[in-house]
């Protein structure tokens, strides 16, 4: 409630709060949801999982296109992007090894929970979509 006052003129290390970064993140998350919805249900499971992963990579590319300087001024962004990369890497590994996917735990919490805590203030569209947390990536 008082975070905007407490951090006035300074980066809040617990939230994505830079206006240009927030706008870009929100647009990328909105696009991710649309891209995931557009993945054809009839694809083979590994192909569908990879299409979902590529949709996340588009989100990453869109946010990283802001450039290092813009992202460096919003502390949690790099960790948040790294958590997305972890989810994609772990999903790919699960598919490659024919194993079930589970969300990695970091700092005592699943990374998707840590990610949610960073985007909690007005960026609910950026919560990790359930399809990306499916224990069997690519299954509908």
Protein backbone atom coordinates (compact mmCIF):
# COMPACT_ATOMS: atom_id res chain seq x y z
CA UNK A 1 0.00 0.00 0.00
CA UNK A 2 2.78 2.41 0.84
CA UNK A 3 5.38 0.91 -1.51
CA UNK A 4 5.08 3.68 -4.11
CA UNK A 5 5.73 6.23 -1.38
CA UNK A 6 8.45 4.25 0.32
CA UNK A 7 10.30 3.66 -2.94
CA UNK A 8 9.54 7.05 -4.54
CA UNK A 9 12.37 7.81 -6.91
CA UNK A 10 14.00 4.42 -6.28
CA UNK A 11 13.55 0.95 -7.66
CA UNK A 12 11.34 -1.32 -5.54
CA UNK A 13 13.39 -4.54 -5.43
CA UNK A 14 10.27 -6.61 -4.83
CA UNK A 15 8.24 -5.58 -7.90
CA UNK A 16 8.53 -4.81 -11.58
CA UNK A 17 7.83 -1.11 -11.25
CA UNK A 18 9.57 0.78 -14.05
CA UNK A 19 6.77 2.10 -16.29
CA UNK A 20 8.45 1.23 -19.62
CA UNK A 21 9.36 -2.23 -18.34
CA UNK A 22 5.88 -2.83 -16.92
CA UNK A 23 4.25 -1.81 -20.23
CA UNK A 24 6.53 -4.14 -22.17
CA UNK A 25 6.10 -7.00 -19.71
CA UNK A 26 2.32 -6.63 -19.78
CA UNK A 27 2.26 -6.61 -23.60
CA UNK A 28 4.57 -9.65 -23.71
CA UNK A 29 2.40 -11.56 -21.21
CA UNK A 30 -0.75 -10.72 -23.13
CA UNK A 31 0.90 -11.96 -26.32
CA UNK A 32 2.09 -15.13 -24.54
CA UNK A 33 -1.47 -16.00 -23.55
CA UNK A 34 -2.68 -15.40 -27.11
CA UNK A 35 0.20 -17.45 -28.56
CA UNK A 36 -0.51 -20.33 -26.18
CA UNK A 37 -4.20 -20.27 -27.06
CA UNK A 38 -3.28 -20.41 -30.76
CA UNK A 39 -1.16 -23.57 -30.48
CA UNK A 40 -3.06 -26.22 -32.45
CA UNK A 41 -4.45 -28.94 -30.19
CA UNK A 42 -3.79 -31.57 -32.86
CA UNK A 43 0.00 -31.30 -32.71
CA UNK A 44 2.01 -34.26 -31.47
CA UNK A 45 2.74 -33.87 -27.75
CA UNK A 46 6.47 -33.03 -28.15
CA UNK A 47 5.68 -30.54 -30.94
CA UNK A 48 2.98 -28.89 -28.87
CA UNK A 49 5.30 -28.64 -25.86
CA UNK A 50 7.96 -27.02 -28.06
CA UNK A 51 5.45 -24.58 -29.54
CA UNK A 52 4.50 -23.58 -25.97
CA UNK A 53 8.19 -23.16 -25.10
CA UNK A 54 8.75 -20.99 -28.18
CA UNK A 55 5.84 -18.79 -27.09
CA UNK A 56 7.65 -18.19 -23.80
CA UNK A 57 10.84 -17.43 -25.70
CA UNK A 58 8.93 -14.76 -27.63
CA UNK A 59 7.95 -13.21 -24.29
CA UNK A 60 11.60 -13.25 -23.22
CA UNK A 61 12.78 -11.70 -26.48
CA UNK A 62 10.12 -8.98 -26.28
CA UNK A 63 11.13 -7.94 -22.78
CA UNK A 64 14.87 -8.23 -23.42
CA UNK A 65 14.44 -6.00 -26.51
CA UNK A 66 14.18 -3.09 -24.05
CA UNK A 67 17.93 -3.43 -23.62
CA UNK A 68 20.21 -4.01 -20.69
CA UNK A 69 20.11 -0.45 -19.38
CA UNK A 70 16.31 -0.32 -19.12
CA UNK A 71 16.14 -3.73 -17.46
CA UNK A 72 19.01 -2.99 -15.08
CA UNK A 73 16.97 -0.19 -13.51
CA UNK A 74 14.24 -2.62 -12.44
CA UNK A 75 15.95 -5.09 -10.12
CA UNK A 76 13.66 -8.12 -10.19
CA UNK A 77 13.24 -8.28 -13.97
CA UNK A 78 16.35 -10.36 -14.65
CA UNK A 79 15.39 -12.89 -11.97
CA UNK A 80 11.85 -13.05 -13.37
CA UNK A 81 13.17 -13.63 -16.90
CA UNK A 82 15.61 -16.22 -15.55
CA UNK A 83 12.73 -18.05 -13.89
CA UNK A 84 10.90 -18.20 -17.24
CA UNK A 85 14.09 -19.60 -18.82
CA UNK A 86 14.30 -22.21 -16.04
CA UNK A 87 10.72 -23.32 -16.67
CA UNK A 88 11.37 -23.68 -20.41
CA UNK A 89 14.66 -25.55 -19.88
CA UNK A 90 13.09 -27.92 -17.36
CA UNK A 91 10.08 -28.55 -19.62
CA UNK A 92 12.41 -29.36 -22.52
CA UNK A 93 14.44 -31.69 -20.36
CA UNK A 94 11.29 -33.50 -19.17
CA UNK A 95 10.11 -34.01 -22.76
CA UNK A 96 13.57 -35.11 -23.93
CA UNK A 97 13.90 -37.64 -21.08
CA UNK A 98 10.27 -38.77 -21.19
CA UNK A 99 9.78 -37.73 -17.57
CA UNK A 100 7.18 -35.68 -15.78
CA UNK A 101 7.82 -31.97 -15.43
CA UNK A 102 7.83 -30.38 -12.03
CA UNK A 103 8.44 -26.76 -11.20
CA UNK A 104 11.87 -26.19 -9.73
CA UNK A 105 12.07 -24.95 -6.14
CA UNK A 106 14.35 -21.98 -5.48
CA UNK A 107 14.69 -20.18 -2.19
CA UNK A 108 12.17 -22.51 -0.58
CA UNK A 109 9.36 -21.89 -3.08
CA UNK A 110 8.46 -23.09 -6.58
CA UNK A 111 9.79 -20.56 -9.10
CA UNK A 112 6.28 -19.82 -10.40
CA UNK A 113 5.29 -18.67 -6.90
CA UNK A 114 8.39 -16.49 -6.66
CA UNK A 115 7.53 -15.10 -10.10
CA UNK A 116 3.97 -14.32 -9.01
CA UNK A 117 5.25 -12.41 -6.00
CA UNK A 118 7.29 -10.19 -8.33
CA UNK A 119 4.39 -9.39 -10.65
CA UNK A 120 1.63 -9.25 -8.05
CA UNK A 121 0.87 -5.54 -8.36
CA UNK A 122 -1.21 -5.09 -11.48
CA UNK A 123 0.45 -7.70 -13.68
CA UNK A 124 -1.79 -10.70 -13.01
CA UNK A 125 -1.70 -11.55 -16.74
CA UNK A 126 1.93 -12.45 -16.14
CA UNK A 127 1.22 -15.28 -13.75
CA UNK A 128 2.56 -18.49 -15.32
CA UNK A 129 -0.31 -19.99 -17.36
CA UNK A 130 -1.40 -23.40 -16.05
CA UNK A 131 -0.64 -25.07 -19.41
CA UNK A 132 3.06 -24.34 -18.82
CA UNK A 133 2.94 -26.03 -15.42
CA UNK A 134 1.37 -29.24 -16.73
CA UNK A 135 3.39 -32.23 -15.46
CA UNK A 136 3.23 -33.62 -19.00
CA UNK A 137 4.30 -30.72 -21.25
CA UNK A 138 2.33 -30.57 -24.48
CA UNK A 139 -0.62 -32.62 -23.27
CA UNK A 140 -3.98 -30.92 -23.63
